[in-house]
């Protein structure tokens, strides 16, 4: 497993475009996709409540796998994306996402890390269960959480 595989790569341009109300209308997925076009994000999980955690799991053309987790909220006081007032704020948030991407050389490596080493005790139950259900149905592994 490698941490921060995109830290030294330039991100794709993120347009400095506001909507008709003068706000930026980007999603976390928009920010993540702007980091690189080398990863196809295959599983999106979370977003099950007004605040909690989101998860993305993807693969590149060389067969490596990537995982990122972050938090979301219902207002600018508890959601980093909604709190972005300037283009520079968006770029900083994207940089934080970029630094949190984890790279795995195989599905087995990801499964072992997730089931044994991931710090998941703080994750929202409904959000992580949503991710696990989607990931387990798409890939030949068995992710577990809070199971003895």
N, C-alpha and C. Protein backbone atom coordinates (compact mmCIF):
# COMPACT_ATOMS: atom_id res chain seq x y z
N UNK A 1 0.85 -1.18 0.00
CA UNK A 1 0.00 0.00 0.00
C UNK A 1 0.89 1.24 0.00
N UNK A 2 0.50 2.20 -0.78
CA UNK A 2 1.20 3.48 -0.82
C UNK A 2 0.23 4.57 -0.39
N UNK A 3 0.75 5.55 0.30
CA UNK A 3 -0.06 6.71 0.66
C UNK A 3 0.18 7.82 -0.35
N UNK A 4 -0.84 8.60 -0.62
CA UNK A 4 -0.72 9.81 -1.43
C UNK A 4 -0.08 9.59 -2.80
N UNK A 5 -0.60 8.67 -3.60
CA UNK A 5 0.03 8.38 -4.89
C UNK A 5 -0.03 9.53 -5.88
N UNK A 6 -0.89 10.50 -5.67
CA UNK A 6 -1.03 11.59 -6.63
C UNK A 6 -0.39 12.89 -6.13
N UNK A 7 0.28 12.81 -5.00
CA UNK A 7 0.80 14.03 -4.39
C UNK A 7 1.74 14.81 -5.32
N UNK A 8 2.52 14.11 -6.12
CA UNK A 8 3.47 14.78 -6.98
C UNK A 8 2.92 15.05 -8.38
N UNK A 9 1.72 14.62 -8.67
CA UNK A 9 1.12 14.83 -9.98
C UNK A 9 0.33 16.13 -10.02
N UNK A 10 0.33 16.75 -11.15
CA UNK A 10 -0.51 17.93 -11.35
C UNK A 10 -1.96 17.47 -11.48
N UNK A 11 -2.85 18.18 -10.88
CA UNK A 11 -4.27 17.89 -11.02
C UNK A 11 -4.77 18.43 -12.35
N UNK A 12 -5.86 17.85 -12.81
CA UNK A 12 -6.53 18.40 -13.98
C UNK A 12 -7.10 19.76 -13.61
N UNK A 13 -7.28 20.63 -14.57
CA UNK A 13 -7.84 21.95 -14.24
C UNK A 13 -9.24 21.83 -13.64
N UNK A 14 -9.49 22.63 -12.65
CA UNK A 14 -10.82 22.75 -12.05
C UNK A 14 -11.35 24.11 -12.47
N UNK A 15 -12.38 24.14 -13.30
CA UNK A 15 -12.87 25.44 -13.78
C UNK A 15 -13.32 26.34 -12.63
N UNK A 16 -12.97 27.59 -12.72
CA UNK A 16 -13.37 28.59 -11.73
C UNK A 16 -14.70 29.16 -12.20
N UNK A 17 -15.77 28.36 -12.04
CA UNK A 17 -17.09 28.70 -12.57
C UNK A 17 -18.11 28.69 -11.44
N UNK A 18 -18.90 29.73 -11.38
CA UNK A 18 -19.97 29.82 -10.38
C UNK A 18 -21.33 29.65 -11.06
N UNK A 19 -22.32 29.22 -10.26
CA UNK A 19 -23.66 29.07 -10.80
C UNK A 19 -24.38 30.42 -10.87
N UNK A 20 -25.64 30.40 -11.23
CA UNK A 20 -26.39 31.66 -11.41
C UNK A 20 -26.57 32.44 -10.12
N UNK A 21 -26.34 31.81 -8.96
CA UNK A 21 -26.45 32.51 -7.67
C UNK A 21 -25.10 32.98 -7.17
N UNK A 22 -24.06 32.77 -7.97
CA UNK A 22 -22.72 33.20 -7.57
C UNK A 22 -22.00 32.22 -6.67
N UNK A 23 -22.48 30.97 -6.62
CA UNK A 23 -21.87 29.94 -5.78
C UNK A 23 -21.15 28.91 -6.64
N UNK A 24 -20.16 28.26 -6.04
CA UNK A 24 -19.54 27.11 -6.69
C UNK A 24 -20.46 25.92 -6.47
N UNK A 25 -20.69 25.14 -7.49
CA UNK A 25 -21.61 24.01 -7.35
C UNK A 25 -20.90 22.69 -7.68
N UNK A 26 -19.78 22.47 -7.04
CA UNK A 26 -19.03 21.23 -7.23
C UNK A 26 -19.46 20.20 -6.19
N UNK A 27 -19.33 18.93 -6.56
CA UNK A 27 -19.54 17.83 -5.63
C UNK A 27 -18.17 17.28 -5.22
N UNK A 28 -18.16 16.43 -4.20
CA UNK A 28 -16.91 15.78 -3.84
C UNK A 28 -16.42 14.92 -5.00
N UNK A 29 -17.33 14.30 -5.71
CA UNK A 29 -16.94 13.49 -6.87
C UNK A 29 -16.29 14.35 -7.94
N UNK A 30 -16.82 15.56 -8.18
CA UNK A 30 -16.19 16.48 -9.14
C UNK A 30 -14.75 16.77 -8.74
N UNK A 31 -14.54 17.06 -7.46
CA UNK A 31 -13.19 17.35 -6.99
C UNK A 31 -12.27 16.14 -7.17
N UNK A 32 -12.78 14.97 -6.82
CA UNK A 32 -11.99 13.75 -6.92
C UNK A 32 -11.63 13.46 -8.38
N UNK A 33 -12.59 13.59 -9.27
CA UNK A 33 -12.32 13.34 -10.69
C UNK A 33 -11.37 14.36 -11.28
N UNK A 34 -11.34 15.56 -10.72
CA UNK A 34 -10.42 16.57 -11.24
C UNK A 34 -8.98 16.30 -10.81
N UNK A 35 -8.79 15.44 -9.81
CA UNK A 35 -7.44 15.11 -9.36
C UNK A 35 -6.70 14.34 -10.44
N UNK A 36 -7.37 13.37 -11.04
CA UNK A 36 -6.73 12.55 -12.06
C UNK A 36 -7.79 11.91 -12.95
N UNK A 37 -7.41 11.71 -14.19
CA UNK A 37 -8.28 10.94 -15.09
C UNK A 37 -7.70 9.54 -15.27
N UNK A 38 -6.72 9.19 -14.47
CA UNK A 38 -6.07 7.88 -14.56
C UNK A 38 -6.80 6.81 -13.76
N UNK A 39 -7.73 7.20 -12.91
CA UNK A 39 -8.48 6.26 -12.08
C UNK A 39 -9.94 6.32 -12.47
N UNK A 40 -10.51 5.14 -12.67
CA UNK A 40 -11.96 5.06 -12.86
C UNK A 40 -12.56 4.71 -11.50
N UNK A 41 -13.36 5.62 -10.97
CA UNK A 41 -13.96 5.41 -9.65
C UNK A 41 -15.19 4.53 -9.83
N UNK A 42 -15.09 3.29 -9.39
CA UNK A 42 -16.08 2.25 -9.68
C UNK A 42 -17.15 2.11 -8.62
N UNK A 43 -16.83 2.42 -7.38
CA UNK A 43 -17.80 2.29 -6.29
C UNK A 43 -17.84 3.60 -5.52
N UNK A 44 -19.03 4.13 -5.37
CA UNK A 44 -19.27 5.30 -4.54
C UNK A 44 -20.22 4.86 -3.44
N UNK A 45 -19.86 5.14 -2.20
CA UNK A 45 -20.72 4.77 -1.09
C UNK A 45 -20.83 5.89 -0.09
N UNK A 46 -21.82 5.77 0.77
CA UNK A 46 -22.05 6.79 1.78
C UNK A 46 -23.19 7.69 1.40
N UNK A 47 -23.15 8.91 1.90
CA UNK A 47 -24.19 9.90 1.62
C UNK A 47 -25.58 9.40 2.03
N UNK A 48 -25.66 8.67 3.14
CA UNK A 48 -26.92 8.08 3.55
C UNK A 48 -27.72 8.94 4.54
N UNK A 49 -27.15 10.02 5.01
CA UNK A 49 -27.82 10.83 6.02
C UNK A 49 -27.46 12.30 5.76
N UNK A 50 -27.84 13.18 6.63
CA UNK A 50 -27.55 14.60 6.44
C UNK A 50 -26.09 14.92 6.71
N UNK A 51 -25.38 14.04 7.40
CA UNK A 51 -23.94 14.18 7.58
C UNK A 51 -23.35 12.79 7.80
N UNK A 52 -22.10 12.65 7.44
CA UNK A 52 -21.46 11.35 7.59
C UNK A 52 -20.23 11.24 6.74
N UNK A 53 -20.06 10.09 6.11
CA UNK A 53 -18.84 9.79 5.38
C UNK A 53 -19.15 9.37 3.95
N UNK A 54 -18.23 9.69 3.04
CA UNK A 54 -18.33 9.20 1.67
C UNK A 54 -17.10 8.37 1.37
N UNK A 55 -17.25 7.42 0.44
CA UNK A 55 -16.20 6.48 0.09
C UNK A 55 -16.17 6.34 -1.43
N UNK A 56 -14.97 6.29 -1.97
CA UNK A 56 -14.80 6.00 -3.39
C UNK A 56 -13.71 4.95 -3.52
N UNK A 57 -13.96 3.98 -4.40
CA UNK A 57 -13.00 2.91 -4.67
C UNK A 57 -12.86 2.80 -6.17
N UNK A 58 -11.63 2.78 -6.65
CA UNK A 58 -11.42 2.77 -8.09
C UNK A 58 -10.21 1.98 -8.51
N UNK A 59 -9.99 1.96 -9.82
CA UNK A 59 -8.92 1.17 -10.42
C UNK A 59 -8.30 1.95 -11.57
N UNK A 60 -6.99 1.78 -11.74
CA UNK A 60 -6.35 2.40 -12.90
C UNK A 60 -6.08 1.34 -13.97
N UNK A 61 -5.57 1.74 -15.11
CA UNK A 61 -5.36 0.82 -16.23
C UNK A 61 -4.21 -0.15 -15.98
N UNK A 62 -3.36 0.13 -15.01
CA UNK A 62 -2.27 -0.78 -14.67
C UNK A 62 -2.68 -1.84 -13.65
N UNK A 63 -3.92 -1.77 -13.17
CA UNK A 63 -4.43 -2.78 -12.25
C UNK A 63 -4.30 -2.43 -10.78
N UNK A 64 -3.88 -1.22 -10.47
CA UNK A 64 -3.81 -0.79 -9.07
C UNK A 64 -5.19 -0.28 -8.64
N UNK A 65 -5.45 -0.33 -7.34
CA UNK A 65 -6.73 0.08 -6.78
C UNK A 65 -6.53 1.26 -5.84
N UNK A 66 -7.58 2.07 -5.70
CA UNK A 66 -7.50 3.31 -4.93
C UNK A 66 -8.72 3.46 -4.06
N UNK A 67 -8.51 4.01 -2.87
CA UNK A 67 -9.59 4.20 -1.91
C UNK A 67 -9.43 5.57 -1.27
N UNK A 68 -10.55 6.24 -1.13
CA UNK A 68 -10.56 7.53 -0.43
C UNK A 68 -11.84 7.61 0.39
N UNK A 69 -11.71 8.19 1.57
CA UNK A 69 -12.86 8.40 2.45
C UNK A 69 -12.79 9.83 2.96
N UNK A 70 -13.94 10.44 3.10
CA UNK A 70 -14.02 11.79 3.63
C UNK A 70 -15.36 12.02 4.29
N UNK A 71 -15.50 13.16 4.90
CA UNK A 71 -16.75 13.49 5.59
C UNK A 71 -17.55 14.53 4.83
N UNK A 72 -18.85 14.53 5.07
CA UNK A 72 -19.75 15.52 4.48
C UNK A 72 -20.74 15.96 5.55
N UNK A 73 -21.35 17.08 5.31
CA UNK A 73 -22.35 17.60 6.24
C UNK A 73 -23.47 18.29 5.51
N UNK A 74 -24.37 18.85 6.27
CA UNK A 74 -25.57 19.46 5.67
C UNK A 74 -25.49 20.97 5.56
N UNK A 75 -24.42 21.56 6.09
CA UNK A 75 -24.32 23.02 6.04
C UNK A 75 -22.85 23.42 6.00
N UNK A 76 -22.59 24.68 5.76
CA UNK A 76 -21.21 25.15 5.65
C UNK A 76 -20.45 25.09 6.97
N UNK A 77 -21.18 24.92 8.07
CA UNK A 77 -20.51 24.78 9.36
C UNK A 77 -19.97 23.39 9.60
N UNK A 78 -20.50 22.39 8.90
CA UNK A 78 -20.06 21.01 9.12
C UNK A 78 -19.65 20.30 7.83
N UNK A 79 -19.61 21.00 6.72
CA UNK A 79 -19.21 20.40 5.45
C UNK A 79 -18.14 21.26 4.80
N UNK A 80 -16.99 20.68 4.58
CA UNK A 80 -15.85 21.44 4.05
C UNK A 80 -16.13 21.98 2.66
N UNK A 81 -16.82 21.22 1.82
CA UNK A 81 -17.11 21.69 0.47
C UNK A 81 -18.06 22.88 0.48
N UNK A 82 -19.11 22.78 1.30
CA UNK A 82 -20.06 23.89 1.38
C UNK A 82 -19.43 25.13 2.01
N UNK A 83 -18.37 24.93 2.78
CA UNK A 83 -17.70 26.07 3.42
C UNK A 83 -16.73 26.79 2.48
N UNK A 84 -16.50 26.23 1.30
CA UNK A 84 -15.58 26.86 0.34
C UNK A 84 -16.22 28.12 -0.23
N UNK A 85 -15.64 29.25 0.10
CA UNK A 85 -16.14 30.53 -0.39
C UNK A 85 -15.39 31.03 -1.62
N UNK A 86 -14.16 30.56 -1.77
CA UNK A 86 -13.34 31.05 -2.87
C UNK A 86 -12.82 29.88 -3.69
N UNK A 87 -12.33 30.19 -4.86
CA UNK A 87 -11.71 29.19 -5.72
C UNK A 87 -10.50 28.58 -5.01
N UNK A 88 -9.76 29.38 -4.30
CA UNK A 88 -8.60 28.90 -3.56
C UNK A 88 -9.01 27.89 -2.49
N UNK A 89 -10.16 28.12 -1.85
CA UNK A 89 -10.68 27.16 -0.86
C UNK A 89 -10.94 25.80 -1.52
N UNK A 90 -11.53 25.82 -2.73
CA UNK A 90 -11.81 24.59 -3.46
C UNK A 90 -10.52 23.84 -3.80
N UNK A 91 -9.53 24.58 -4.23
CA UNK A 91 -8.25 23.95 -4.59
C UNK A 91 -7.60 23.34 -3.35
N UNK A 92 -7.68 24.01 -2.21
CA UNK A 92 -7.13 23.46 -0.97
C UNK A 92 -7.87 22.20 -0.55
N UNK A 93 -9.19 22.20 -0.65
CA UNK A 93 -9.97 21.01 -0.31
C UNK A 93 -9.61 19.86 -1.24
N UNK A 94 -9.47 20.16 -2.52
CA UNK A 94 -9.07 19.13 -3.48
C UNK A 94 -7.69 18.57 -3.11
N UNK A 95 -6.79 19.43 -2.67
CA UNK A 95 -5.47 18.97 -2.25
C UNK A 95 -5.56 18.04 -1.05
N UNK A 96 -6.46 18.34 -0.12
CA UNK A 96 -6.66 17.46 1.03
C UNK A 96 -7.18 16.10 0.59
N UNK A 97 -8.14 16.08 -0.35
CA UNK A 97 -8.63 14.81 -0.89
C UNK A 97 -7.49 14.06 -1.57
N UNK A 98 -6.71 14.77 -2.34
CA UNK A 98 -5.59 14.18 -3.07
C UNK A 98 -4.63 13.49 -2.10
N UNK A 99 -4.33 14.14 -0.99
CA UNK A 99 -3.41 13.57 0.00
C UNK A 99 -4.00 12.37 0.73
N UNK A 100 -5.30 12.21 0.71
CA UNK A 100 -5.92 11.12 1.46
C UNK A 100 -6.16 9.87 0.63
N UNK A 101 -5.86 9.90 -0.65
CA UNK A 101 -6.04 8.72 -1.50
C UNK A 101 -5.01 7.66 -1.11
N UNK A 102 -5.49 6.44 -0.98
CA UNK A 102 -4.60 5.31 -0.69
C UNK A 102 -4.56 4.41 -1.93
N UNK A 103 -3.39 3.92 -2.24
CA UNK A 103 -3.18 3.04 -3.39
C UNK A 103 -2.88 1.63 -2.91
N UNK A 104 -3.46 0.64 -3.60
CA UNK A 104 -3.25 -0.76 -3.28
C UNK A 104 -2.88 -1.50 -4.56
N UNK A 105 -1.95 -2.42 -4.46
CA UNK A 105 -1.50 -3.14 -5.64
C UNK A 105 -2.44 -4.25 -6.08
N UNK A 106 -3.34 -4.68 -5.18
CA UNK A 106 -4.27 -5.77 -5.51
C UNK A 106 -5.54 -5.64 -4.67
N UNK A 107 -6.55 -6.38 -5.10
CA UNK A 107 -7.79 -6.43 -4.31
C UNK A 107 -7.52 -7.08 -2.96
N UNK A 108 -6.66 -8.08 -2.94
CA UNK A 108 -6.34 -8.78 -1.69
C UNK A 108 -5.68 -7.83 -0.69
N UNK A 109 -4.79 -6.97 -1.20
CA UNK A 109 -4.13 -6.01 -0.32
C UNK A 109 -5.15 -5.04 0.27
N UNK A 110 -6.07 -4.56 -0.55
CA UNK A 110 -7.10 -3.65 -0.04
C UNK A 110 -7.98 -4.36 0.98
N UNK A 111 -8.44 -5.56 0.66
CA UNK A 111 -9.30 -6.30 1.58
C UNK A 111 -8.61 -6.52 2.93
N UNK A 112 -7.36 -6.92 2.91
CA UNK A 112 -6.62 -7.13 4.16
C UNK A 112 -6.49 -5.85 4.96
N UNK A 113 -6.15 -4.76 4.29
CA UNK A 113 -6.02 -3.48 4.98
C UNK A 113 -7.36 -3.04 5.55
N UNK A 114 -8.40 -3.11 4.75
CA UNK A 114 -9.72 -2.64 5.19
C UNK A 114 -10.21 -3.45 6.38
N UNK A 115 -10.10 -4.76 6.31
CA UNK A 115 -10.64 -5.62 7.36
C UNK A 115 -9.78 -5.66 8.62
N UNK A 116 -8.50 -5.33 8.51
CA UNK A 116 -7.61 -5.48 9.66
C UNK A 116 -6.99 -4.19 10.17
N UNK A 117 -6.75 -3.23 9.28
CA UNK A 117 -5.97 -2.07 9.67
C UNK A 117 -6.69 -0.73 9.54
N UNK A 118 -7.74 -0.68 8.76
CA UNK A 118 -8.43 0.60 8.55
C UNK A 118 -9.02 1.10 9.86
N UNK A 119 -8.89 2.38 10.09
CA UNK A 119 -9.45 3.00 11.28
C UNK A 119 -10.90 3.37 10.98
N UNK A 120 -11.81 2.44 11.19
CA UNK A 120 -13.20 2.65 10.78
C UNK A 120 -14.16 2.85 11.94
N UNK A 121 -13.65 2.92 13.16
CA UNK A 121 -14.58 3.02 14.29
C UNK A 121 -15.35 4.33 14.33
N UNK A 122 -14.91 5.36 13.65
CA UNK A 122 -15.60 6.64 13.70
C UNK A 122 -16.57 6.82 12.54
N UNK A 123 -16.59 5.92 11.60
CA UNK A 123 -17.44 6.07 10.42
C UNK A 123 -18.92 5.90 10.76
N UNK A 124 -19.74 6.63 10.05
CA UNK A 124 -21.19 6.53 10.18
C UNK A 124 -21.64 5.13 9.76
N UNK A 125 -22.43 4.45 10.60
CA UNK A 125 -22.85 3.08 10.33
C UNK A 125 -23.52 2.92 8.96
N UNK A 126 -24.50 3.75 8.67
CA UNK A 126 -25.24 3.61 7.42
C UNK A 126 -24.35 3.88 6.21
N UNK A 127 -23.44 4.83 6.33
CA UNK A 127 -22.56 5.15 5.21
C UNK A 127 -21.58 4.02 4.91
N UNK A 128 -20.93 3.50 5.93
CA UNK A 128 -19.95 2.45 5.67
C UNK A 128 -20.65 1.16 5.25
N UNK A 129 -21.82 0.89 5.79
CA UNK A 129 -22.56 -0.30 5.37
C UNK A 129 -22.96 -0.18 3.90
N UNK A 130 -23.32 1.02 3.46
CA UNK A 130 -23.65 1.24 2.05
C UNK A 130 -22.44 0.96 1.17
N UNK A 131 -21.27 1.49 1.56
CA UNK A 131 -20.06 1.25 0.78
C UNK A 131 -19.73 -0.24 0.74
N UNK A 132 -19.74 -0.91 1.89
CA UNK A 132 -19.39 -2.32 1.95
C UNK A 132 -20.32 -3.16 1.08
N UNK A 133 -21.61 -2.89 1.15
CA UNK A 133 -22.57 -3.63 0.34
C UNK A 133 -22.28 -3.46 -1.15
N UNK A 134 -22.05 -2.23 -1.57
CA UNK A 134 -21.77 -1.97 -2.98
C UNK A 134 -20.44 -2.59 -3.42
N UNK A 135 -19.41 -2.44 -2.60
CA UNK A 135 -18.09 -2.98 -2.96
C UNK A 135 -18.10 -4.50 -2.98
N UNK A 136 -18.71 -5.13 -1.99
CA UNK A 136 -18.77 -6.60 -1.94
C UNK A 136 -19.56 -7.17 -3.11
N UNK A 137 -20.56 -6.45 -3.60
CA UNK A 137 -21.35 -6.96 -4.72
C UNK A 137 -20.62 -6.79 -6.06
N UNK A 138 -19.63 -5.91 -6.09
CA UNK A 138 -18.93 -5.63 -7.35
C UNK A 138 -17.60 -6.37 -7.48
N UNK A 139 -16.95 -6.67 -6.34
CA UNK A 139 -15.62 -7.26 -6.38
C UNK A 139 -15.58 -8.59 -5.63
N UNK A 140 -14.63 -9.46 -6.00
CA UNK A 140 -14.53 -10.78 -5.35
C UNK A 140 -13.76 -10.73 -4.03
N UNK A 141 -14.27 -9.94 -3.10
CA UNK A 141 -13.71 -9.92 -1.76
C UNK A 141 -14.85 -9.80 -0.77
N UNK A 142 -14.51 -9.91 0.51
CA UNK A 142 -15.52 -9.77 1.56
C UNK A 142 -15.01 -8.73 2.55
N UNK A 143 -15.49 -7.51 2.39
CA UNK A 143 -15.16 -6.46 3.34
C UNK A 143 -16.05 -6.63 4.56
N UNK A 144 -15.49 -6.39 5.73
CA UNK A 144 -16.22 -6.55 6.97
C UNK A 144 -16.04 -5.29 7.81
N UNK A 145 -17.00 -5.08 8.69
CA UNK A 145 -16.91 -3.96 9.60
C UNK A 145 -17.68 -4.29 10.86
N UNK A 146 -17.02 -4.11 11.98
CA UNK A 146 -17.62 -4.38 13.30
C UNK A 146 -18.21 -5.79 13.39
N UNK A 147 -17.50 -6.73 12.83
CA UNK A 147 -17.92 -8.12 12.91
C UNK A 147 -16.88 -8.89 13.68
N UNK A 148 -17.33 -9.73 14.61
CA UNK A 148 -16.38 -10.54 15.41
C UNK A 148 -16.18 -11.89 14.80
